[in-house]
Structures are given as structure tokens and as C-alpha cells.
Amino acid sequence: AMMVLYNQPGRETNYLWLENLLFELEQDVLH
């Protein structure tokens, strides 16, 4: 997961990646 984060080109993409990760984690918990 960290490798994907480091490979992102900019800070904005990192935020999008983080939001997507948190969303997936929430889905895993709810389901």
C-alpha cells in the first residue's frame, strides 16, 4: 500500500488515494 502511495506524482493524488483507501476500509468493515 505504501508503495502505491509513494508512486503517486502529487499531493492531490495522494489525498485521492487516501480517501479511496479509507472508503474501501469502511466498505470492508460494513460488509
PDB file of N, CA and C in Angstrom:
ATOM      1  N   ALA A   1       0.845  -1.210   0.000  1.00  0.00           N
ATOM      2  CA  ALA A   1       0.000   0.000   0.000  1.00  0.00           C
ATOM      3  C   ALA A   1       0.877   1.256   0.000  1.00  0.00           C
ATOM      4  N   MET A   2       1.911   1.233   0.795  1.00  0.00           N
ATOM      5  CA  MET A   2       2.795   2.394   0.873  1.00  0.00           C
ATOM      6  C   MET A   2       3.514   2.622  -0.448  1.00  0.00           C
ATOM      7  N   MET A   3       3.840   1.545  -1.158  1.00  0.00           N
ATOM      8  CA  MET A   3       4.496   1.681  -2.452  1.00  0.00           C
ATOM      9  C   MET A   3       3.602   2.449  -3.414  1.00  0.00           C
ATOM     10  N   VAL A   4       2.307   2.157  -3.386  1.00  0.00           N
ATOM     11  CA  VAL A   4       1.364   2.853  -4.262  1.00  0.00           C
ATOM     12  C   VAL A   4       1.315   4.325  -3.880  1.00  0.00           C
ATOM     13  N   LEU A   5       1.340   4.611  -2.578  1.00  0.00           N
ATOM     14  CA  LEU A   5       1.280   5.992  -2.113  1.00  0.00           C
ATOM     15  C   LEU A   5       2.509   6.765  -2.595  1.00  0.00           C
ATOM     16  N   TYR A   6       3.685   6.158  -2.478  1.00  0.00           N
ATOM     17  CA  TYR A   6       4.921   6.823  -2.883  1.00  0.00           C
ATOM     18  C   TYR A   6       4.977   7.040  -4.387  1.00  0.00           C
ATOM     19  N   ASN A   7       4.336   6.140  -5.131  1.00  0.00           N
ATOM     20  CA  ASN A   7       4.405   6.233  -6.587  1.00  0.00           C
ATOM     21  C   ASN A   7       3.479   7.316  -7.144  1.00  0.00           C
ATOM     22  N   GLN A   8       2.558   7.822  -6.332  1.00  0.00           N
ATOM     23  CA  GLN A   8       1.667   8.877  -6.819  1.00  0.00           C
ATOM     24  C   GLN A   8       2.479  10.149  -7.057  1.00  0.00           C
ATOM     25  N   PRO A   9       2.206  10.875  -8.164  1.00  0.00           N
ATOM     26  CA  PRO A   9       3.012  12.024  -8.561  1.00  0.00           C
ATOM     27  C   PRO A   9       2.853  13.260  -7.682  1.00  0.00           C
ATOM     28  N   GLY A  10       1.643  13.523  -7.180  1.00  0.00           N
ATOM     29  CA  GLY A  10       1.444  14.781  -6.460  1.00  0.00           C
ATOM     30  C   GLY A  10       0.657  14.625  -5.180  1.00  0.00           C
ATOM     31  N   ARG A  11       0.648  15.695  -4.390  1.00  0.00           N
ATOM     32  CA  ARG A  11      -0.039  15.663  -3.098  1.00  0.00           C
ATOM     33  C   ARG A  11      -1.539  15.468  -3.275  1.00  0.00           C
ATOM     34  N   GLU A  12      -2.116  16.096  -4.317  1.00  0.00           N
ATOM     35  CA  GLU A  12      -3.556  15.969  -4.542  1.00  0.00           C
ATOM     36  C   GLU A  12      -3.928  14.522  -4.835  1.00  0.00           C
ATOM     37  N   THR A  13      -3.090  13.836  -5.617  1.00  0.00           N
ATOM     38  CA  THR A  13      -3.368  12.430  -5.922  1.00  0.00           C
ATOM     39  C   THR A  13      -3.229  11.592  -4.661  1.00  0.00           C
ATOM     40  N   ASN A  14      -2.309  11.975  -3.775  1.00  0.00           N
ATOM     41  CA  ASN A  14      -2.149  11.236  -2.526  1.00  0.00           C
ATOM     42  C   ASN A  14      -3.424  11.341  -1.694  1.00  0.00           C
ATOM     43  N   TYR A  15      -4.030  12.514  -1.666  1.00  0.00           N
ATOM     44  CA  TYR A  15      -5.271  12.687  -0.919  1.00  0.00           C
ATOM     45  C   TYR A  15      -6.368  11.829  -1.519  1.00  0.00           C
ATOM     46  N   LEU A  16      -6.440  11.785  -2.863  1.00  0.00           N
ATOM     47  CA  LEU A  16      -7.457  10.965  -3.520  1.00  0.00           C
ATOM     48  C   LEU A  16      -7.215   9.494  -3.217  1.00  0.00           C
ATOM     49  N   TRP A  17      -5.948   9.085  -3.227  1.00  0.00           N
ATOM     50  CA  TRP A  17      -5.598   7.695  -2.919  1.00  0.00           C
ATOM     51  C   TRP A  17      -5.989   7.354  -1.483  1.00  0.00           C
ATOM     52  N   LEU A  18      -5.745   8.302  -0.578  1.00  0.00           N
ATOM     53  CA  LEU A  18      -6.057   8.072   0.831  1.00  0.00           C
ATOM     54  C   LEU A  18      -7.559   7.968   1.034  1.00  0.00           C
ATOM     55  N   GLU A  19      -8.320   8.877   0.385  1.00  0.00           N
ATOM     56  CA  GLU A  19      -9.776   8.833   0.508  1.00  0.00           C
ATOM     57  C   GLU A  19     -10.310   7.510  -0.031  1.00  0.00           C
ATOM     58  N   ASN A  20      -9.758   7.055  -1.151  1.00  0.00           N
ATOM     59  CA  ASN A  20     -10.189   5.788  -1.742  1.00  0.00           C
ATOM     60  C   ASN A  20      -9.869   4.627  -0.809  1.00  0.00           C
ATOM     61  N   LEU A  21      -8.692   4.670  -0.179  1.00  0.00           N
ATOM     62  CA  LEU A  21      -8.300   3.611   0.746  1.00  0.00           C
ATOM     63  C   LEU A  21      -9.245   3.568   1.943  1.00  0.00           C
ATOM     64  N   LEU A  22      -9.533   4.739   2.523  1.00  0.00           N
ATOM     65  CA  LEU A  22     -10.434   4.799   3.670  1.00  0.00           C
ATOM     66  C   LEU A  22     -11.819   4.305   3.289  1.00  0.00           C
ATOM     67  N   PHE A  23     -12.276   4.648   2.079  1.00  0.00           N
ATOM     68  CA  PHE A  23     -13.583   4.205   1.602  1.00  0.00           C
ATOM     69  C   PHE A  23     -13.618   2.683   1.524  1.00  0.00           C
ATOM     70  N   GLU A  24     -12.560   2.087   0.975  1.00  0.00           N
ATOM     71  CA  GLU A  24     -12.505   0.630   0.852  1.00  0.00           C
ATOM     72  C   GLU A  24     -12.477  -0.022   2.227  1.00  0.00           C
ATOM     73  N   LEU A  25     -11.746   0.575   3.168  1.00  0.00           N
ATOM     74  CA  LEU A  25     -11.682   0.025   4.522  1.00  0.00           C
ATOM     75  C   LEU A  25     -13.054   0.081   5.177  1.00  0.00           C
ATOM     76  N   GLU A  26     -13.789   1.183   4.980  1.00  0.00           N
ATOM     77  CA  GLU A  26     -15.127   1.308   5.546  1.00  0.00           C
ATOM     78  C   GLU A  26     -16.051   0.250   4.956  1.00  0.00           C
ATOM     79  N   GLN A  27     -15.944   0.027   3.646  1.00  0.00           N
ATOM     80  CA  GLN A  27     -16.777  -0.984   2.995  1.00  0.00           C
ATOM     81  C   GLN A  27     -16.464  -2.371   3.563  1.00  0.00           C
ATOM     82  N   ASP A  28     -15.194  -2.634   3.829  1.00  0.00           N
ATOM     83  CA  ASP A  28     -14.813  -3.934   4.385  1.00  0.00           C
ATOM     84  C   ASP A  28     -15.409  -4.114   5.776  1.00  0.00           C
ATOM     85  N   VAL A  29     -15.439  -3.050   6.562  1.00  0.00           N
ATOM     86  CA  VAL A  29     -15.973  -3.129   7.926  1.00  0.00           C
ATOM     87  C   VAL A  29     -17.491  -3.293   7.894  1.00  0.00           C
ATOM     88  N   LEU A  30     -18.163  -2.522   7.024  1.00  0.00           N
ATOM     89  CA  LEU A  30     -19.623  -2.576   6.956  1.00  0.00           C
ATOM     90  C   LEU A  30     -20.106  -3.904   6.391  1.00  0.00           C
ATOM     91  N   HIS A  31     -19.329  -4.467   5.479  1.00  0.00           N
ATOM     92  CA  HIS A  31     -19.754  -5.719   4.851  1.00  0.00           C
ATOM     93  C   HIS A  31     -18.824  -6.839   5.291  1.00  0.00           C
TER      94      HIS A  31
END
